[in-house]
């Protein structure tokens, strides 16, 4: 696979594709509503499925003024487990590093307090490949606030086109999509 194809989108779709173009490739996708999203942003996704490694996987395609700009992959341990097998977690991260290179952005311990009595500790790794391609890896561990017991673990890979999203922000004075991880610290 040549680099142009690698960095021009995700899997079978290219950055800037419309919702209809992406749905023609992935007809099983459905539109979902996210109350946190801004005008001009739409999401199509498929439901979580067990994959060949027996963990749950979900996929979101996010459009900015009907142009594909971000693809999020969500990974969860098998039902009933609150942790990935160590080898599987290594595989998930190392497979990206082998394909795209080592991270050049690192936020080692971002803590987020949730409204449901839990908090998340997140390791964020970023790989800036080109102005049209960045990948953010979020390794998220969820804890019960009162007992400090670990109750969940998931990983999110965000493939994105920083240029397309920056253009969206510059042309939409009333809505800005938060994109802060593309710059080296």
C-alpha atoms as a PDB file:
ATOM      1  CA  UNK A   1       0.000   0.000   0.000  1.00  0.00           C
ATOM      2  CA  UNK A   2       1.501   3.362  -0.925  1.00  0.00           C
ATOM      3  CA  UNK A   3       1.628   6.296   1.488  1.00  0.00           C
ATOM      4  CA  UNK A   4      -0.782   8.417  -0.575  1.00  0.00           C
ATOM      5  CA  UNK A   5      -3.519   5.822  -0.116  1.00  0.00           C
ATOM      6  CA  UNK A   6      -2.612   5.335   3.569  1.00  0.00           C
ATOM      7  CA  UNK A   7      -2.888   9.025   4.428  1.00  0.00           C
ATOM      8  CA  UNK A   8      -5.801   9.996   2.184  1.00  0.00           C
ATOM      9  CA  UNK A   9      -8.520   8.616   4.457  1.00  0.00           C
ATOM     10  CA  UNK A  10      -9.462   5.550   6.456  1.00  0.00           C
ATOM     11  CA  UNK A  11      -9.874   2.030   5.080  1.00  0.00           C
ATOM     12  CA  UNK A  12     -12.001   2.266   1.905  1.00  0.00           C
ATOM     13  CA  UNK A  13     -13.094   5.914   2.270  1.00  0.00           C
ATOM     14  CA  UNK A  14     -11.277   9.166   1.580  1.00  0.00           C
ATOM     15  CA  UNK A  15     -11.284  12.395   3.546  1.00  0.00           C
ATOM     16  CA  UNK A  16     -13.976  14.729   2.225  1.00  0.00           C
ATOM     17  CA  UNK A  17     -16.373  11.958   1.125  1.00  0.00           C
ATOM     18  CA  UNK A  18     -20.041  12.815   1.681  1.00  0.00           C
ATOM     19  CA  UNK A  19     -22.370  10.782   3.891  1.00  0.00           C
ATOM     20  CA  UNK A  20     -23.929   9.218   0.797  1.00  0.00           C
ATOM     21  CA  UNK A  21     -20.512   8.200  -0.578  1.00  0.00           C
ATOM     22  CA  UNK A  22     -19.535   6.548   2.716  1.00  0.00           C
ATOM     23  CA  UNK A  23     -22.939   4.813   3.026  1.00  0.00           C
ATOM     24  CA  UNK A  24     -22.504   3.407  -0.501  1.00  0.00           C
ATOM     25  CA  UNK A  25     -19.351   1.641   0.759  1.00  0.00           C
ATOM     26  CA  UNK A  26     -20.715   0.745   4.230  1.00  0.00           C
ATOM     27  CA  UNK A  27     -24.513   0.387   3.724  1.00  0.00           C
ATOM     28  CA  UNK A  28     -25.055  -0.911   7.283  1.00  0.00           C
ATOM     29  CA  UNK A  29     -24.231   2.498   8.815  1.00  0.00           C
ATOM     30  CA  UNK A  30     -26.999   4.482  10.482  1.00  0.00           C
ATOM     31  CA  UNK A  31     -27.122   8.139  11.459  1.00  0.00           C
ATOM     32  CA  UNK A  32     -26.918   8.831  15.189  1.00  0.00           C
ATOM     33  CA  UNK A  33     -27.489  11.988  17.199  1.00  0.00           C
ATOM     34  CA  UNK A  34     -24.887  13.290  19.628  1.00  0.00           C
ATOM     35  CA  UNK A  35     -26.185  16.083  21.856  1.00  0.00           C
ATOM     36  CA  UNK A  36     -22.624  17.390  22.241  1.00  0.00           C
ATOM     37  CA  UNK A  37     -22.124  17.970  18.544  1.00  0.00           C
ATOM     38  CA  UNK A  38     -22.393  21.323  16.866  1.00  0.00           C
ATOM     39  CA  UNK A  39     -24.406  22.501  13.860  1.00  0.00           C
ATOM     40  CA  UNK A  40     -22.837  21.232  10.654  1.00  0.00           C
ATOM     41  CA  UNK A  41     -21.556  18.023  12.269  1.00  0.00           C
ATOM     42  CA  UNK A  42     -23.241  14.654  11.624  1.00  0.00           C
ATOM     43  CA  UNK A  43     -22.310  11.110  12.621  1.00  0.00           C
ATOM     44  CA  UNK A  44     -23.045   7.761  11.024  1.00  0.00           C
ATOM     45  CA  UNK A  45     -22.028   4.580  12.807  1.00  0.00           C
ATOM     46  CA  UNK A  46     -22.542   0.882  13.180  1.00  0.00           C
ATOM     47  CA  UNK A  47     -23.446  -0.858  16.380  1.00  0.00           C
ATOM     48  CA  UNK A  48     -20.866  -2.620  18.473  1.00  0.00           C
ATOM     49  CA  UNK A  49     -19.917  -6.053  17.226  1.00  0.00           C
ATOM     50  CA  UNK A  50     -17.699  -8.806  18.564  1.00  0.00           C
ATOM     51  CA  UNK A  51     -14.707  -9.154  16.280  1.00  0.00           C
ATOM     52  CA  UNK A  52     -12.421 -12.122  15.661  1.00  0.00           C
ATOM     53  CA  UNK A  53     -10.440 -11.418  18.875  1.00  0.00           C
ATOM     54  CA  UNK A  54     -13.645 -11.533  20.969  1.00  0.00           C
ATOM     55  CA  UNK A  55     -13.696  -7.899  22.022  1.00  0.00           C
ATOM     56  CA  UNK A  56     -16.342  -5.331  21.178  1.00  0.00           C
ATOM     57  CA  UNK A  57     -15.644  -2.878  18.395  1.00  0.00           C
ATOM     58  CA  UNK A  58     -17.610   0.134  17.191  1.00  0.00           C
ATOM     59  CA  UNK A  59     -16.979   2.633  14.425  1.00  0.00           C
ATOM     60  CA  UNK A  60     -18.132   6.248  13.973  1.00  0.00           C
ATOM     61  CA  UNK A  61     -17.710   8.392  10.867  1.00  0.00           C
ATOM     62  CA  UNK A  62     -17.950  12.123  11.642  1.00  0.00           C
ATOM     63  CA  UNK A  63     -18.773  14.658   8.925  1.00  0.00           C
ATOM     64  CA  UNK A  64     -18.109  18.393   8.953  1.00  0.00           C
ATOM     65  CA  UNK A  65     -20.508  20.187   6.566  1.00  0.00           C
ATOM     66  CA  UNK A  66     -21.073  16.781   4.932  1.00  0.00           C
ATOM     67  CA  UNK A  67     -17.358  16.069   4.437  1.00  0.00           C
ATOM     68  CA  UNK A  68     -15.736  13.108   6.180  1.00  0.00           C
ATOM     69  CA  UNK A  69     -13.118  14.453   8.595  1.00  0.00           C
ATOM     70  CA  UNK A  70     -12.852  11.952  11.450  1.00  0.00           C
ATOM     71  CA  UNK A  71     -13.249   8.209  11.976  1.00  0.00           C
ATOM     72  CA  UNK A  72     -13.369   6.852  15.541  1.00  0.00           C
ATOM     73  CA  UNK A  73     -12.836   3.191  16.386  1.00  0.00           C
ATOM     74  CA  UNK A  74     -13.980   2.054  19.832  1.00  0.00           C
ATOM     75  CA  UNK A  75     -12.621  -1.110  21.462  1.00  0.00           C
ATOM     76  CA  UNK A  76     -14.034  -2.702  24.630  1.00  0.00           C
ATOM     77  CA  UNK A  77     -13.019  -5.926  26.428  1.00  0.00           C
ATOM     78  CA  UNK A  78     -15.356  -8.924  26.128  1.00  0.00           C
ATOM     79  CA  UNK A  79     -18.641  -8.727  28.029  1.00  0.00           C
ATOM     80  CA  UNK A  80     -18.101  -9.216  31.774  1.00  0.00           C
ATOM     81  CA  UNK A  81     -14.409  -8.217  31.659  1.00  0.00           C
ATOM     82  CA  UNK A  82     -13.210  -4.807  32.763  1.00  0.00           C
ATOM     83  CA  UNK A  83      -9.748  -5.114  31.216  1.00  0.00           C
ATOM     84  CA  UNK A  84      -8.145  -6.164  27.954  1.00  0.00           C
ATOM     85  CA  UNK A  85      -5.754  -9.086  27.970  1.00  0.00           C
ATOM     86  CA  UNK A  86      -2.256  -7.480  28.169  1.00  0.00           C
ATOM     87  CA  UNK A  87      -1.174  -9.040  24.858  1.00  0.00           C
ATOM     88  CA  UNK A  88      -4.274  -7.748  23.103  1.00  0.00           C
ATOM     89  CA  UNK A  89      -3.779  -4.217  24.440  1.00  0.00           C
ATOM     90  CA  UNK A  90      -0.151  -4.293  23.245  1.00  0.00           C
ATOM     91  CA  UNK A  91      -1.293  -5.556  19.856  1.00  0.00           C
ATOM     92  CA  UNK A  92      -3.872  -2.756  19.476  1.00  0.00           C
ATOM     93  CA  UNK A  93      -1.256  -0.047  20.075  1.00  0.00           C
ATOM     94  CA  UNK A  94       1.701  -1.702  18.350  1.00  0.00           C
ATOM     95  CA  UNK A  95      -0.233  -2.430  15.156  1.00  0.00           C
ATOM     96  CA  UNK A  96      -0.795   1.312  14.691  1.00  0.00           C
ATOM     97  CA  UNK A  97       2.800   2.200  15.540  1.00  0.00           C
ATOM     98  CA  UNK A  98       4.097  -0.359  13.036  1.00  0.00           C
ATOM     99  CA  UNK A  99       1.893   1.084  10.313  1.00  0.00           C
ATOM    100  CA  UNK A 100       2.229   4.829  11.002  1.00  0.00           C
ATOM    101  CA  UNK A 101       5.265   5.403  13.252  1.00  0.00           C
ATOM    102  CA  UNK A 102       5.873   6.356  16.868  1.00  0.00           C
ATOM    103  CA  UNK A 103       3.681   8.910  18.675  1.00  0.00           C
ATOM    104  CA  UNK A 104       4.879  12.494  18.781  1.00  0.00           C
ATOM    105  CA  UNK A 105       2.207  13.743  21.197  1.00  0.00           C
ATOM    106  CA  UNK A 106       1.790  12.395  24.700  1.00  0.00           C
ATOM    107  CA  UNK A 107      -0.549  13.314  27.532  1.00  0.00           C
ATOM    108  CA  UNK A 108       0.259  10.755  30.197  1.00  0.00           C
ATOM    109  CA  UNK A 109      -2.569  11.055  32.683  1.00  0.00           C
ATOM    110  CA  UNK A 110      -5.571  13.134  31.762  1.00  0.00           C
ATOM    111  CA  UNK A 111      -8.216  12.781  34.521  1.00  0.00           C
ATOM    112  CA  UNK A 112     -11.882  13.394  33.682  1.00  0.00           C
ATOM    113  CA  UNK A 113     -14.593  13.444  36.373  1.00  0.00           C
ATOM    114  CA  UNK A 114     -17.896  11.973  35.127  1.00  0.00           C
ATOM    115  CA  UNK A 115     -21.376  12.829  36.419  1.00  0.00           C
ATOM    116  CA  UNK A 116     -22.183   9.214  37.319  1.00  0.00           C
ATOM    117  CA  UNK A 117     -19.827   8.661  40.279  1.00  0.00           C
ATOM    118  CA  UNK A 118     -16.919   7.535  38.107  1.00  0.00           C
ATOM    119  CA  UNK A 119     -13.750   9.096  36.766  1.00  0.00           C
ATOM    120  CA  UNK A 120     -11.481   8.215  33.872  1.00  0.00           C
ATOM    121  CA  UNK A 121      -7.726   8.222  33.641  1.00  0.00           C
ATOM    122  CA  UNK A 122      -6.615   8.496  30.025  1.00  0.00           C
ATOM    123  CA  UNK A 123      -3.290   8.030  28.305  1.00  0.00           C
ATOM    124  CA  UNK A 124      -3.345   9.942  25.023  1.00  0.00           C
ATOM    125  CA  UNK A 125      -0.876   9.218  22.233  1.00  0.00           C
ATOM    126  CA  UNK A 126      -0.866  11.177  18.990  1.00  0.00           C
ATOM    127  CA  UNK A 127       0.754  10.454  15.670  1.00  0.00           C
ATOM    128  CA  UNK A 128       0.996  13.417  13.277  1.00  0.00           C
ATOM    129  CA  UNK A 129       1.504  11.920   9.859  1.00  0.00           C
ATOM    130  CA  UNK A 130       0.775  14.851   7.550  1.00  0.00           C
ATOM    131  CA  UNK A 131      -1.448  17.973   7.444  1.00  0.00           C
ATOM    132  CA  UNK A 132      -4.194  15.658   6.151  1.00  0.00           C
ATOM    133  CA  UNK A 133      -3.721  12.766   8.600  1.00  0.00           C
ATOM    134  CA  UNK A 134      -3.378  12.475  12.370  1.00  0.00           C
ATOM    135  CA  UNK A 135      -4.205   9.603  14.688  1.00  0.00           C
ATOM    136  CA  UNK A 136      -5.025   9.966  18.371  1.00  0.00           C
ATOM    137  CA  UNK A 137      -5.013   6.873  20.616  1.00  0.00           C
ATOM    138  CA  UNK A 138      -7.026   7.219  23.843  1.00  0.00           C
ATOM    139  CA  UNK A 139      -6.352   4.443  26.384  1.00  0.00           C
ATOM    140  CA  UNK A 140      -9.125   5.008  28.942  1.00  0.00           C
ATOM    141  CA  UNK A 141      -9.389   3.381  32.378  1.00  0.00           C
ATOM    142  CA  UNK A 142     -12.622   3.993  34.333  1.00  0.00           C
ATOM    143  CA  UNK A 143     -12.780   3.878  38.141  1.00  0.00           C
ATOM    144  CA  UNK A 144     -15.534   3.978  40.744  1.00  0.00           C
ATOM    145  CA  UNK A 145     -15.048   7.280  42.574  1.00  0.00           C
ATOM    146  CA  UNK A 146     -15.969   6.005  46.041  1.00  0.00           C
ATOM    147  CA  UNK A 147     -14.105   2.671  46.032  1.00  0.00           C
ATOM    148  CA  UNK A 148     -11.332   3.606  43.535  1.00  0.00           C
ATOM    149  CA  UNK A 149     -11.955   0.174  41.984  1.00  0.00           C
ATOM    150  CA  UNK A 150     -11.285  -0.141  38.276  1.00  0.00           C
ATOM    151  CA  UNK A 151     -14.600  -0.863  36.571  1.00  0.00           C
ATOM    152  CA  UNK A 152     -13.813  -0.460  32.896  1.00  0.00           C
ATOM    153  CA  UNK A 153     -11.276  -0.085  30.138  1.00  0.00           C
ATOM    154  CA  UNK A 154     -11.680   0.974  26.550  1.00  0.00           C
ATOM    155  CA  UNK A 155      -9.541   2.309  23.748  1.00  0.00           C
ATOM    156  CA  UNK A 156     -10.499   4.824  21.100  1.00  0.00           C
ATOM    157  CA  UNK A 157      -8.535   5.421  17.909  1.00  0.00           C
ATOM    158  CA  UNK A 158      -9.375   8.676  16.151  1.00  0.00           C
ATOM    159  CA  UNK A 159      -8.221   8.946  12.556  1.00  0.00           C
ATOM    160  CA  UNK A 160      -8.690  12.527  11.400  1.00  0.00           C
ATOM    161  CA  UNK A 161      -7.985  15.116   8.759  1.00  0.00           C
ATOM    162  CA  UNK A 162      -6.745  18.169  10.719  1.00  0.00           C
ATOM    163  CA  UNK A 163      -6.860  20.429   7.663  1.00  0.00           C
ATOM    164  CA  UNK A 164     -10.522  19.655   6.893  1.00  0.00           C
ATOM    165  CA  UNK A 165     -11.571  20.201  10.531  1.00  0.00           C
ATOM    166  CA  UNK A 166      -9.536  23.431  10.795  1.00  0.00           C
ATOM    167  CA  UNK A 167     -11.245  24.704   7.627  1.00  0.00           C
ATOM    168  CA  UNK A 168     -14.637  23.835   9.181  1.00  0.00           C
ATOM    169  CA  UNK A 169     -13.753  25.828  12.307  1.00  0.00           C
ATOM    170  CA  UNK A 170     -12.552  28.850  10.309  1.00  0.00           C
ATOM    171  CA  UNK A 171     -15.786  28.933   8.282  1.00  0.00           C
ATOM    172  CA  UNK A 172     -18.187  28.459  11.212  1.00  0.00           C
ATOM    173  CA  UNK A 173     -18.062  31.418  13.560  1.00  0.00           C
ATOM    174  CA  UNK A 174     -20.765  30.007  15.851  1.00  0.00           C
ATOM    175  CA  UNK A 175     -19.364  26.511  16.252  1.00  0.00           C
ATOM    176  CA  UNK A 176     -15.848  25.278  16.796  1.00  0.00           C
ATOM    177  CA  UNK A 177     -14.884  21.622  16.963  1.00  0.00           C
ATOM    178  CA  UNK A 178     -12.332  21.102  19.732  1.00  0.00           C
ATOM    179  CA  UNK A 179      -9.063  19.994  18.140  1.00  0.00           C
ATOM    180  CA  UNK A 180      -6.119  20.598  20.424  1.00  0.00           C
ATOM    181  CA  UNK A 181      -3.890  17.545  20.157  1.00  0.00           C
ATOM    182  CA  UNK A 182      -2.256  18.128  16.788  1.00  0.00           C
ATOM    183  CA  UNK A 183       0.479  20.386  18.099  1.00  0.00           C
ATOM    184  CA  UNK A 184       3.529  19.009  19.816  1.00  0.00           C
ATOM    185  CA  UNK A 185       3.673  19.988  23.507  1.00  0.00           C
END
